[in-house]
Amino acid sequence: MMEAIACRAVARGELPSARAGALLPELLVGAIFMRALVTGDPLDRALLDGLVAHVVRSLGRDAS
């Protein structure tokens, strides 16, 4: 499912390449698991929105 979302984002020009799209789920899930399972810090909507925005910006800048 995440791969399909990333592919659609590449097709819309929101991510620069399929390579960036392939990294998207790994970066997001890794950060969420770290917070939920290791640090025990809460996950809230603001954190998740910021995480997605940061990862997408980073992939766009680094993969272009």
C-alpha atoms as a PDB file:
ATOM      1  CA  MET A   1       0.000   0.000   0.000  1.00  0.00           C
ATOM      2  CA  MET A   2       2.762   2.482   0.881  1.00  0.00           C
ATOM      3  CA  GLU A   3       4.507   1.667  -2.397  1.00  0.00           C
ATOM      4  CA  ALA A   4       1.350   2.532  -4.355  1.00  0.00           C
ATOM      5  CA  ILE A   5       1.014   5.829  -2.458  1.00  0.00           C
ATOM      6  CA  ALA A   6       4.651   6.668  -3.188  1.00  0.00           C
ATOM      7  CA  CYS A   7       4.249   5.788  -6.886  1.00  0.00           C
ATOM      8  CA  ARG A   8       1.249   8.108  -7.172  1.00  0.00           C
ATOM      9  CA  ALA A   9       3.243  10.878  -5.478  1.00  0.00           C
ATOM     10  CA  VAL A  10       6.047  10.401  -8.035  1.00  0.00           C
ATOM     11  CA  ALA A  11       3.502  10.496 -10.890  1.00  0.00           C
ATOM     12  CA  ARG A  12       2.073  13.779  -9.517  1.00  0.00           C
ATOM     13  CA  GLY A  13       5.556  15.282  -9.215  1.00  0.00           C
ATOM     14  CA  GLU A  14       5.444  15.429  -5.401  1.00  0.00           C
ATOM     15  CA  LEU A  15       8.480  13.149  -5.158  1.00  0.00           C
ATOM     16  CA  PRO A  16      11.318  13.359  -7.668  1.00  0.00           C
ATOM     17  CA  SER A  17      11.890   9.686  -8.454  1.00  0.00           C
ATOM     18  CA  ALA A  18      10.884   6.110  -7.811  1.00  0.00           C
ATOM     19  CA  ARG A  19      14.042   5.793  -5.690  1.00  0.00           C
ATOM     20  CA  ALA A  20      12.768   8.517  -3.372  1.00  0.00           C
ATOM     21  CA  GLY A  21       9.350   6.872  -3.351  1.00  0.00           C
ATOM     22  CA  ALA A  22      10.894   3.582  -2.267  1.00  0.00           C
ATOM     23  CA  LEU A  23      12.609   5.285   0.685  1.00  0.00           C
ATOM     24  CA  LEU A  24       9.458   7.045   1.881  1.00  0.00           C
ATOM     25  CA  PRO A  25       7.855   4.109   3.729  1.00  0.00           C
ATOM     26  CA  GLU A  26      11.154   3.032   5.314  1.00  0.00           C
ATOM     27  CA  LEU A  27      11.853   6.502   6.683  1.00  0.00           C
ATOM     28  CA  LEU A  28       8.330   7.073   7.977  1.00  0.00           C
ATOM     29  CA  VAL A  29       7.804   3.634   9.497  1.00  0.00           C
ATOM     30  CA  GLY A  30      11.276   3.634  11.038  1.00  0.00           C
ATOM     31  CA  ALA A  31      10.692   6.950  12.762  1.00  0.00           C
ATOM     32  CA  ILE A  32       7.240   5.931  13.984  1.00  0.00           C
ATOM     33  CA  PHE A  33       8.445   2.569  15.324  1.00  0.00           C
ATOM     34  CA  MET A  34      11.392   4.217  17.068  1.00  0.00           C
ATOM     35  CA  ARG A  35       9.104   6.633  18.856  1.00  0.00           C
ATOM     36  CA  ALA A  36       6.408   4.091  19.695  1.00  0.00           C
ATOM     37  CA  LEU A  37       8.557   1.096  20.646  1.00  0.00           C
ATOM     38  CA  VAL A  38      11.901   2.474  21.827  1.00  0.00           C
ATOM     39  CA  THR A  39      11.414   5.916  23.341  1.00  0.00           C
ATOM     40  CA  GLY A  40       7.763   5.484  24.302  1.00  0.00           C
ATOM     41  CA  ASP A  41       7.069   9.097  23.387  1.00  0.00           C
ATOM     42  CA  PRO A  42       3.518   9.803  22.226  1.00  0.00           C
ATOM     43  CA  LEU A  43       2.497   9.971  18.588  1.00  0.00           C
ATOM     44  CA  ASP A  44       0.117  12.781  17.772  1.00  0.00           C
ATOM     45  CA  ARG A  45      -1.227  14.339  14.596  1.00  0.00           C
ATOM     46  CA  ALA A  46       1.126  17.338  14.700  1.00  0.00           C
ATOM     47  CA  LEU A  47       4.177  15.082  15.011  1.00  0.00           C
ATOM     48  CA  LEU A  48       3.057  12.863  12.133  1.00  0.00           C
ATOM     49  CA  ASP A  49       2.225  15.832   9.890  1.00  0.00           C
ATOM     50  CA  GLY A  50       5.638  17.358  10.600  1.00  0.00           C
ATOM     51  CA  LEU A  51       7.416  14.056  10.013  1.00  0.00           C
ATOM     52  CA  VAL A  52       5.756  13.524   6.636  1.00  0.00           C
ATOM     53  CA  ALA A  53       6.481  17.106   5.551  1.00  0.00           C
ATOM     54  CA  HIS A  54      10.130  16.849   6.602  1.00  0.00           C
ATOM     55  CA  VAL A  55      10.710  13.490   4.898  1.00  0.00           C
ATOM     56  CA  VAL A  56       9.062  14.595   1.649  1.00  0.00           C
ATOM     57  CA  ARG A  57      11.075  17.836   1.599  1.00  0.00           C
ATOM     58  CA  SER A  58      14.297  15.939   2.296  1.00  0.00           C
ATOM     59  CA  LEU A  59      13.667  13.379  -0.418  1.00  0.00           C
ATOM     60  CA  GLY A  60      12.841  16.089  -2.903  1.00  0.00           C
ATOM     61  CA  ARG A  61      16.011  18.023  -2.208  1.00  0.00           C
ATOM     62  CA  ASP A  62      18.414  15.074  -1.966  1.00  0.00           C
ATOM     63  CA  ALA A  63      17.077  12.938  -4.797  1.00  0.00           C
ATOM     64  CA  SER A  64      16.925  15.624  -7.466  1.00  0.00           C
END
